């Protein structure tokens, strides 16, 4: 499940903001440091997470640590999914 969540997030980021070029991007790349995430792209990503994984991201969840890397974002999603995460369905 963790790999599937990370792959979905990575694919969204690469297609949306990196013009399909994933070179240099891995699960631990600091998305803020490389300029991928700003306030507008973060809101777009939150919307993507809600639509794709059916998770409710609270304003208090959105901070520099939880939205730093693909791994930290995936961990947040998995935490929100809880034990029912294994029943995840993509729309």
PDB file of N, CA and C in Angstrom:
ATOM      1  N   UNK A   1       0.828  -1.202   0.000  1.00  0.00           N
ATOM      2  CA  UNK A   1       0.000   0.000   0.000  1.00  0.00           C
ATOM      3  C   UNK A   1       0.867   1.258   0.000  1.00  0.00           C
ATOM      4  N   UNK A   2       1.922   1.257   0.826  1.00  0.00           N
ATOM      5  CA  UNK A   2       2.797   2.414   0.924  1.00  0.00           C
ATOM      6  C   UNK A   2       3.416   2.750  -0.435  1.00  0.00           C
ATOM      7  N   UNK A   3       3.878   1.738  -1.144  1.00  0.00           N
ATOM      8  CA  UNK A   3       4.482   1.966  -2.462  1.00  0.00           C
ATOM      9  C   UNK A   3       3.459   2.525  -3.442  1.00  0.00           C
ATOM     10  N   UNK A   4       2.233   2.035  -3.391  1.00  0.00           N
ATOM     11  CA  UNK A   4       1.186   2.522  -4.288  1.00  0.00           C
ATOM     12  C   UNK A   4       0.858   3.993  -4.006  1.00  0.00           C
ATOM     13  N   UNK A   5       0.802   4.360  -2.733  1.00  0.00           N
ATOM     14  CA  UNK A   5       0.532   5.751  -2.364  1.00  0.00           C
ATOM     15  C   UNK A   5       1.672   6.639  -2.854  1.00  0.00           C
ATOM     16  N   UNK A   6       2.909   6.236  -2.591  1.00  0.00           N
ATOM     17  CA  UNK A   6       4.068   7.023  -3.036  1.00  0.00           C
ATOM     18  C   UNK A   6       4.091   7.165  -4.551  1.00  0.00           C
ATOM     19  N   UNK A   7       3.824   6.091  -5.255  1.00  0.00           N
ATOM     20  CA  UNK A   7       3.827   6.152  -6.723  1.00  0.00           C
ATOM     21  C   UNK A   7       2.772   7.108  -7.253  1.00  0.00           C
ATOM     22  N   UNK A   8       1.592   7.101  -6.659  1.00  0.00           N
ATOM     23  CA  UNK A   8       0.528   8.012  -7.087  1.00  0.00           C
ATOM     24  C   UNK A   8       0.915   9.465  -6.849  1.00  0.00           C
ATOM     25  N   UNK A   9       1.484   9.731  -5.681  1.00  0.00           N
ATOM     26  CA  UNK A   9       1.903  11.099  -5.350  1.00  0.00           C
ATOM     27  C   UNK A   9       3.025  11.541  -6.280  1.00  0.00           C
ATOM     28  N   UNK A  10       4.008  10.676  -6.479  1.00  0.00           N
ATOM     29  CA  UNK A  10       5.139  10.997  -7.364  1.00  0.00           C
ATOM     30  C   UNK A  10       4.649  11.281  -8.780  1.00  0.00           C
ATOM     31  N   UNK A  11       3.770  10.428  -9.287  1.00  0.00           N
ATOM     32  CA  UNK A  11       3.237  10.602 -10.637  1.00  0.00           C
ATOM     33  C   UNK A  11       2.515  11.942 -10.772  1.00  0.00           C
ATOM     34  N   UNK A  12       1.729  12.298  -9.774  1.00  0.00           N
ATOM     35  CA  UNK A  12       1.019  13.582  -9.813  1.00  0.00           C
ATOM     36  C   UNK A  12       2.008  14.751  -9.847  1.00  0.00           C
ATOM     37  N   UNK A  13       3.000  14.704  -8.986  1.00  0.00           N
ATOM     38  CA  UNK A  13       3.994  15.782  -8.917  1.00  0.00           C
ATOM     39  C   UNK A  13       4.762  15.898 -10.232  1.00  0.00           C
ATOM     40  N   UNK A  14       5.215  14.785 -10.748  1.00  0.00           N
ATOM     41  CA  UNK A  14       6.001  14.789 -11.993  1.00  0.00           C
ATOM     42  C   UNK A  14       5.169  15.313 -13.157  1.00  0.00           C
ATOM     43  N   UNK A  15       3.949  14.849 -13.276  1.00  0.00           N
ATOM     44  CA  UNK A  15       3.112  15.269 -14.404  1.00  0.00           C
ATOM     45  C   UNK A  15       2.601  16.695 -14.267  1.00  0.00           C
ATOM     46  N   UNK A  16       2.357  17.120 -13.040  1.00  0.00           N
ATOM     47  CA  UNK A  16       1.757  18.438 -12.815  1.00  0.00           C
ATOM     48  C   UNK A  16       2.790  19.570 -12.832  1.00  0.00           C
ATOM     49  N   UNK A  17       3.963  19.336 -12.197  1.00  0.00           N
ATOM     50  CA  UNK A  17       4.909  20.440 -12.017  1.00  0.00           C
ATOM     51  C   UNK A  17       6.295  20.215 -12.590  1.00  0.00           C
ATOM     52  N   UNK A  18       6.598  19.012 -13.027  1.00  0.00           N
ATOM     53  CA  UNK A  18       7.945  18.744 -13.545  1.00  0.00           C
ATOM     54  C   UNK A  18       7.927  18.366 -15.020  1.00  0.00           C
ATOM     55  N   UNK A  19       6.835  18.647 -15.693  1.00  0.00           N
ATOM     56  CA  UNK A  19       6.713  18.390 -17.125  1.00  0.00           C
ATOM     57  C   UNK A  19       7.082  16.965 -17.510  1.00  0.00           C
ATOM     58  N   UNK A  20       6.753  16.012 -16.646  1.00  0.00           N
ATOM     59  CA  UNK A  20       7.014  14.611 -16.928  1.00  0.00           C
ATOM     60  C   UNK A  20       8.448  14.166 -16.703  1.00  0.00           C
ATOM     61  N   UNK A  21       9.300  15.056 -16.212  1.00  0.00           N
ATOM     62  CA  UNK A  21      10.723  14.745 -16.016  1.00  0.00           C
ATOM     63  C   UNK A  21      11.005  14.439 -14.544  1.00  0.00           C
ATOM     64  N   UNK A  22      11.147  13.158 -14.226  1.00  0.00           N
ATOM     65  CA  UNK A  22      11.348  12.734 -12.837  1.00  0.00           C
ATOM     66  C   UNK A  22      12.814  12.643 -12.438  1.00  0.00           C
ATOM     67  N   UNK A  23      13.721  13.047 -13.323  1.00  0.00           N
ATOM     68  CA  UNK A  23      15.146  12.958 -12.988  1.00  0.00           C
ATOM     69  C   UNK A  23      15.445  13.752 -11.728  1.00  0.00           C
ATOM     70  N   UNK A  24      16.160  13.112 -10.814  1.00  0.00           N
ATOM     71  CA  UNK A  24      16.559  13.775  -9.574  1.00  0.00           C
ATOM     72  C   UNK A  24      15.487  13.771  -8.498  1.00  0.00           C
ATOM     73  N   UNK A  25      14.339  13.204  -8.788  1.00  0.00           N
ATOM     74  CA  UNK A  25      13.253  13.166  -7.809  1.00  0.00           C
ATOM     75  C   UNK A  25      13.128  11.761  -7.240  1.00  0.00           C
ATOM     76  N   UNK A  26      13.279  11.648  -5.928  1.00  0.00           N
ATOM     77  CA  UNK A  26      13.031  10.374  -5.271  1.00  0.00           C
ATOM     78  C   UNK A  26      12.132  10.622  -4.074  1.00  0.00           C
ATOM     79  N   UNK A  27      11.872   9.595  -3.304  1.00  0.00           N
ATOM     80  CA  UNK A  27      10.917   9.706  -2.203  1.00  0.00           C
ATOM     81  C   UNK A  27      11.380  10.627  -1.084  1.00  0.00           C
ATOM     82  N   UNK A  28      12.672  10.937  -1.035  1.00  0.00           N
ATOM     83  CA  UNK A  28      13.219  11.783   0.029  1.00  0.00           C
ATOM     84  C   UNK A  28      13.645  13.167  -0.449  1.00  0.00           C
ATOM     85  N   UNK A  29      13.391  13.496  -1.705  1.00  0.00           N
ATOM     86  CA  UNK A  29      13.727  14.823  -2.225  1.00  0.00           C
ATOM     87  C   UNK A  29      12.895  15.881  -1.509  1.00  0.00           C
ATOM     88  N   UNK A  30      13.551  16.929  -1.059  1.00  0.00           N
ATOM     89  CA  UNK A  30      12.868  18.031  -0.381  1.00  0.00           C
ATOM     90  C   UNK A  30      12.110  18.848  -1.423  1.00  0.00           C
ATOM     91  N   UNK A  31      10.795  18.697  -1.453  1.00  0.00           N
ATOM     92  CA  UNK A  31       9.966  19.324  -2.480  1.00  0.00           C
ATOM     93  C   UNK A  31       9.931  20.842  -2.361  1.00  0.00           C
ATOM     94  N   UNK A  32      10.091  21.341  -1.157  1.00  0.00           N
ATOM     95  CA  UNK A  32      10.114  22.788  -0.966  1.00  0.00           C
ATOM     96  C   UNK A  32      11.447  23.363  -1.433  1.00  0.00           C
ATOM     97  N   UNK A  33      12.513  22.653  -1.132  1.00  0.00           N
ATOM     98  CA  UNK A  33      13.849  23.126  -1.495  1.00  0.00           C
ATOM     99  C   UNK A  33      14.038  23.184  -3.013  1.00  0.00           C
ATOM    100  N   UNK A  34      13.447  22.233  -3.738  1.00  0.00           N
ATOM    101  CA  UNK A  34      13.611  22.252  -5.199  1.00  0.00           C
ATOM    102  C   UNK A  34      12.550  23.116  -5.885  1.00  0.00           C
ATOM    103  N   UNK A  35      11.691  23.740  -5.090  1.00  0.00           N
ATOM    104  CA  UNK A  35      10.735  24.692  -5.636  1.00  0.00           C
ATOM    105  C   UNK A  35       9.453  24.091  -6.188  1.00  0.00           C
ATOM    106  N   UNK A  36       9.169  22.844  -5.866  1.00  0.00           N
ATOM    107  CA  UNK A  36       7.951  22.207  -6.365  1.00  0.00           C
ATOM    108  C   UNK A  36       6.739  22.669  -5.571  1.00  0.00           C
ATOM    109  N   UNK A  37       6.871  22.739  -4.259  1.00  0.00           N
ATOM    110  CA  UNK A  37       5.720  23.092  -3.427  1.00  0.00           C
ATOM    111  C   UNK A  37       5.769  24.532  -2.948  1.00  0.00           C
ATOM    112  N   UNK A  38       4.738  25.268  -3.287  1.00  0.00           N
ATOM    113  CA  UNK A  38       4.488  26.589  -2.727  1.00  0.00           C
ATOM    114  C   UNK A  38       3.031  26.559  -2.259  1.00  0.00           C
ATOM    115  N   UNK A  39       2.482  27.676  -1.892  1.00  0.00           N
ATOM    116  CA  UNK A  39       1.118  27.665  -1.336  1.00  0.00           C
ATOM    117  C   UNK A  39       0.085  27.164  -2.349  1.00  0.00           C
ATOM    118  N   UNK A  40       0.217  27.535  -3.613  1.00  0.00           N
ATOM    119  CA  UNK A  40      -0.758  27.124  -4.617  1.00  0.00           C
ATOM    120  C   UNK A  40      -0.618  25.642  -4.961  1.00  0.00           C
ATOM    121  N   UNK A  41       0.608  25.174  -5.147  1.00  0.00           N
ATOM    122  CA  UNK A  41       0.790  23.760  -5.485  1.00  0.00           C
ATOM    123  C   UNK A  41       0.444  22.866  -4.294  1.00  0.00           C
ATOM    124  N   UNK A  42       0.639  23.358  -3.087  1.00  0.00           N
ATOM    125  CA  UNK A  42       0.255  22.582  -1.903  1.00  0.00           C
ATOM    126  C   UNK A  42      -1.259  22.396  -1.867  1.00  0.00           C
ATOM    127  N   UNK A  43      -2.002  23.453  -2.157  1.00  0.00           N
ATOM    128  CA  UNK A  43      -3.467  23.337  -2.196  1.00  0.00           C
ATOM    129  C   UNK A  43      -3.919  22.362  -3.284  1.00  0.00           C
ATOM    130  N   UNK A  44      -3.262  22.410  -4.422  1.00  0.00           N
ATOM    131  CA  UNK A  44      -3.575  21.481  -5.498  1.00  0.00           C
ATOM    132  C   UNK A  44      -3.285  20.042  -5.058  1.00  0.00           C
ATOM    133  N   UNK A  45      -2.167  19.841  -4.386  1.00  0.00           N
ATOM    134  CA  UNK A  45      -1.803  18.513  -3.910  1.00  0.00           C
ATOM    135  C   UNK A  45      -2.789  18.008  -2.862  1.00  0.00           C
ATOM    136  N   UNK A  46      -3.224  18.875  -1.969  1.00  0.00           N
ATOM    137  CA  UNK A  46      -4.228  18.496  -0.964  1.00  0.00           C
ATOM    138  C   UNK A  46      -5.513  18.054  -1.672  1.00  0.00           C
ATOM    139  N   UNK A  47      -5.917  18.765  -2.695  1.00  0.00           N
ATOM    140  CA  UNK A  47      -7.110  18.394  -3.459  1.00  0.00           C
ATOM    141  C   UNK A  47      -6.914  17.038  -4.129  1.00  0.00           C
ATOM    142  N   UNK A  48      -5.741  16.822  -4.710  1.00  0.00           N
ATOM    143  CA  UNK A  48      -5.431  15.531  -5.325  1.00  0.00           C
ATOM    144  C   UNK A  48      -5.512  14.400  -4.305  1.00  0.00           C
ATOM    145  N   UNK A  49      -4.950  14.604  -3.121  1.00  0.00           N
ATOM    146  CA  UNK A  49      -4.978  13.569  -2.076  1.00  0.00           C
ATOM    147  C   UNK A  49      -6.403  13.251  -1.661  1.00  0.00           C
ATOM    148  N   UNK A  50      -7.215  14.297  -1.533  1.00  0.00           N
ATOM    149  CA  UNK A  50      -8.620  14.109  -1.159  1.00  0.00           C
ATOM    150  C   UNK A  50      -9.364  13.309  -2.229  1.00  0.00           C
ATOM    151  N   UNK A  51      -9.188  13.694  -3.485  1.00  0.00           N
ATOM    152  CA  UNK A  51      -9.898  13.032  -4.575  1.00  0.00           C
ATOM    153  C   UNK A  51      -9.403  11.606  -4.811  1.00  0.00           C
ATOM    154  N   UNK A  52      -8.107  11.395  -4.705  1.00  0.00           N
ATOM    155  CA  UNK A  52      -7.525  10.100  -5.030  1.00  0.00           C
ATOM    156  C   UNK A  52      -7.669   9.091  -3.903  1.00  0.00           C
ATOM    157  N   UNK A  53      -7.405   9.535  -2.686  1.00  0.00           N
ATOM    158  CA  UNK A  53      -7.376   8.611  -1.556  1.00  0.00           C
ATOM    159  C   UNK A  53      -8.565   8.765  -0.612  1.00  0.00           C
ATOM    160  N   UNK A  54      -9.423   9.757  -0.885  1.00  0.00           N
ATOM    161  CA  UNK A  54     -10.592  10.003  -0.039  1.00  0.00           C
ATOM    162  C   UNK A  54     -10.202  10.251   1.415  1.00  0.00           C
ATOM    163  N   UNK A  55      -9.167  11.082   1.599  1.00  0.00           N
ATOM    164  CA  UNK A  55      -8.734  11.451   2.947  1.00  0.00           C
ATOM    165  C   UNK A  55      -9.005  12.934   3.166  1.00  0.00           C
ATOM    166  N   UNK A  56      -9.314  13.281   4.380  1.00  0.00           N
ATOM    167  CA  UNK A  56      -9.564  14.668   4.756  1.00  0.00           C
ATOM    168  C   UNK A  56      -8.284  15.231   5.369  1.00  0.00           C
ATOM    169  N   UNK A  57      -7.630  16.118   4.651  1.00  0.00           N
ATOM    170  CA  UNK A  57      -6.423  16.777   5.160  1.00  0.00           C
ATOM    171  C   UNK A  57      -6.871  18.042   5.884  1.00  0.00           C
ATOM    172  N   UNK A  58      -6.594  18.099   7.165  1.00  0.00           N
ATOM    173  CA  UNK A  58      -6.967  19.256   7.984  1.00  0.00           C
ATOM    174  C   UNK A  58      -5.923  20.361   7.824  1.00  0.00           C
ATOM    175  N   UNK A  59      -6.318  21.618   8.014  1.00  0.00           N
ATOM    176  CA  UNK A  59      -5.340  22.708   7.951  1.00  0.00           C
ATOM    177  C   UNK A  59      -4.136  22.485   8.872  1.00  0.00           C
ATOM    178  N   UNK A  60      -4.382  21.882  10.026  1.00  0.00           N
ATOM    179  CA  UNK A  60      -3.273  21.637  10.958  1.00  0.00           C
ATOM    180  C   UNK A  60      -2.310  20.566  10.441  1.00  0.00           C
ATOM    181  N   UNK A  61      -2.728  19.771   9.447  1.00  0.00           N
ATOM    182  CA  UNK A  61      -1.863  18.752   8.845  1.00  0.00           C
ATOM    183  C   UNK A  61      -0.893  19.352   7.834  1.00  0.00           C
ATOM    184  N   UNK A  62      -1.199  20.540   7.359  1.00  0.00           N
ATOM    185  CA  UNK A  62      -0.403  21.153   6.294  1.00  0.00           C
ATOM    186  C   UNK A  62       0.689  22.002   6.921  1.00  0.00           C
ATOM    187  N   UNK A  63       1.897  21.448   6.893  1.00  0.00           N
ATOM    188  CA  UNK A  63       3.045  22.172   7.437  1.00  0.00           C
ATOM    189  C   UNK A  63       4.307  21.748   6.700  1.00  0.00           C
ATOM    190  N   UNK A  64       5.413  22.410   7.016  1.00  0.00           N
ATOM    191  CA  UNK A  64       6.668  22.161   6.310  1.00  0.00           C
ATOM    192  C   UNK A  64       7.204  20.752   6.497  1.00  0.00           C
ATOM    193  N   UNK A  65       6.844  20.094   7.572  1.00  0.00           N
ATOM    194  CA  UNK A  65       7.351  18.748   7.809  1.00  0.00           C
ATOM    195  C   UNK A  65       6.511  17.682   7.101  1.00  0.00           C
ATOM    196  N   UNK A  66       5.198  17.766   7.195  1.00  0.00           N
ATOM    197  CA  UNK A  66       4.372  16.723   6.584  1.00  0.00           C
ATOM    198  C   UNK A  66       4.352  16.826   5.061  1.00  0.00           C
ATOM    199  N   UNK A  67       4.619  18.003   4.519  1.00  0.00           N
ATOM    200  CA  UNK A  67       4.635  18.188   3.075  1.00  0.00           C
ATOM    201  C   UNK A  67       6.045  18.442   2.552  1.00  0.00           C
ATOM    202  N   UNK A  68       7.042  17.843   3.186  1.00  0.00           N
ATOM    203  CA  UNK A  68       8.437  18.046   2.774  1.00  0.00           C
ATOM    204  C   UNK A  68       8.851  17.112   1.640  1.00  0.00           C
ATOM    205  N   UNK A  69       8.506  15.840   1.737  1.00  0.00           N
ATOM    206  CA  UNK A  69       8.934  14.845   0.749  1.00  0.00           C
ATOM    207  C   UNK A  69       7.746  13.963   0.356  1.00  0.00           C
ATOM    208  N   UNK A  70       7.951  13.185  -0.682  1.00  0.00           N
ATOM    209  CA  UNK A  70       6.927  12.226  -1.076  1.00  0.00           C
ATOM    210  C   UNK A  70       6.670  11.253   0.071  1.00  0.00           C
ATOM    211  N   UNK A  71       7.732  10.832   0.757  1.00  0.00           N
ATOM    212  CA  UNK A  71       7.582   9.899   1.877  1.00  0.00           C
ATOM    213  C   UNK A  71       6.751  10.482   3.008  1.00  0.00           C
ATOM    214  N   UNK A  72       6.993  11.741   3.371  1.00  0.00           N
ATOM    215  CA  UNK A  72       6.240  12.323   4.481  1.00  0.00           C
ATOM    216  C   UNK A  72       4.784  12.545   4.101  1.00  0.00           C
ATOM    217  N   UNK A  73       4.531  12.884   2.844  1.00  0.00           N
ATOM    218  CA  UNK A  73       3.149  13.048   2.378  1.00  0.00           C
ATOM    219  C   UNK A  73       2.447  11.693   2.370  1.00  0.00           C
ATOM    220  N   UNK A  74       3.133  10.662   1.891  1.00  0.00           N
ATOM    221  CA  UNK A  74       2.556   9.315   1.878  1.00  0.00           C
ATOM    222  C   UNK A  74       2.257   8.840   3.296  1.00  0.00           C
ATOM    223  N   UNK A  75       3.151   9.139   4.233  1.00  0.00           N
ATOM    224  CA  UNK A  75       2.912   8.752   5.626  1.00  0.00           C
ATOM    225  C   UNK A  75       1.659   9.422   6.174  1.00  0.00           C
ATOM    226  N   UNK A  76       1.448  10.681   5.825  1.00  0.00           N
ATOM    227  CA  UNK A  76       0.248  11.392   6.254  1.00  0.00           C
ATOM    228  C   UNK A  76      -0.996  10.718   5.672  1.00  0.00           C
ATOM    229  N   UNK A  77      -0.962  10.390   4.399  1.00  0.00           N
ATOM    230  CA  UNK A  77      -2.094   9.730   3.756  1.00  0.00           C
ATOM    231  C   UNK A  77      -2.385   8.389   4.427  1.00  0.00           C
ATOM    232  N   UNK A  78      -1.347   7.599   4.658  1.00  0.00           N
ATOM    233  CA  UNK A  78      -1.531   6.290   5.285  1.00  0.00           C
ATOM    234  C   UNK A  78      -2.079   6.428   6.703  1.00  0.00           C
ATOM    235  N   UNK A  79      -1.624   7.445   7.418  1.00  0.00           N
ATOM    236  CA  UNK A  79      -2.146   7.708   8.765  1.00  0.00           C
ATOM    237  C   UNK A  79      -3.634   8.038   8.692  1.00  0.00           C
ATOM    238  N   UNK A  80      -4.013   8.864   7.702  1.00  0.00           N
ATOM    239  CA  UNK A  80      -5.416   9.248   7.544  1.00  0.00           C
ATOM    240  C   UNK A  80      -6.282   8.062   7.119  1.00  0.00           C
ATOM    241  N   UNK A  81      -5.720   7.179   6.303  1.00  0.00           N
ATOM    242  CA  UNK A  81      -6.466   6.009   5.860  1.00  0.00           C
ATOM    243  C   UNK A  81      -6.695   5.026   6.994  1.00  0.00           C
ATOM    244  N   UNK A  82      -5.745   4.965   7.921  1.00  0.00           N
ATOM    245  CA  UNK A  82      -5.870   4.069   9.057  1.00  0.00           C
ATOM    246  C   UNK A  82      -5.920   2.624   8.616  1.00  0.00           C
ATOM    247  N   UNK A  83      -6.512   1.758   9.439  1.00  0.00           N
ATOM    248  CA  UNK A  83      -6.547   0.324   9.126  1.00  0.00           C
ATOM    249  C   UNK A  83      -7.371  -0.001   7.882  1.00  0.00           C
ATOM    250  N   UNK A  84      -8.217   0.916   7.450  1.00  0.00           N
ATOM    251  CA  UNK A  84      -9.036   0.685   6.267  1.00  0.00           C
ATOM    252  C   UNK A  84      -8.278   0.976   4.983  1.00  0.00           C
ATOM    253  N   UNK A  85      -7.014   1.408   5.098  1.00  0.00           N
ATOM    254  CA  UNK A  85      -6.219   1.744   3.928  1.00  0.00           C
ATOM    255  C   UNK A  85      -6.077   0.616   2.939  1.00  0.00           C
ATOM    256  N   UNK A  86      -6.166  -0.597   3.414  1.00  0.00           N
ATOM    257  CA  UNK A  86      -6.043  -1.744   2.520  1.00  0.00           C
ATOM    258  C   UNK A  86      -7.231  -1.850   1.572  1.00  0.00           C
ATOM    259  N   UNK A  87      -8.313  -1.133   1.870  1.00  0.00           N
ATOM    260  CA  UNK A  87      -9.494  -1.153   1.020  1.00  0.00           C
ATOM    261  C   UNK A  87      -9.532   0.054   0.099  1.00  0.00           C
ATOM    262  N   UNK A  88      -8.398   0.745  -0.024  1.00  0.00           N
ATOM    263  CA  UNK A  88      -8.293   1.959  -0.862  1.00  0.00           C
ATOM    264  C   UNK A  88      -8.739   1.693  -2.300  1.00  0.00           C
ATOM    265  N   UNK A  89      -9.540   2.626  -2.819  1.00  0.00           N
ATOM    266  CA  UNK A  89      -9.984   2.552  -4.218  1.00  0.00           C
ATOM    267  C   UNK A  89      -9.653   3.860  -4.897  1.00  0.00           C
ATOM    268  N   UNK A  90      -9.092   3.788  -6.083  1.00  0.00           N
ATOM    269  CA  UNK A  90      -8.874   5.001  -6.883  1.00  0.00           C
ATOM    270  C   UNK A  90     -10.123   5.283  -7.686  1.00  0.00           C
ATOM    271  N   UNK A  91     -10.388   6.558  -7.848  1.00  0.00           N
ATOM    272  CA  UNK A  91     -11.559   6.924  -8.658  1.00  0.00           C
ATOM    273  C   UNK A  91     -11.157   7.130 -10.085  1.00  0.00           C
TER     274      UNK A  91
END
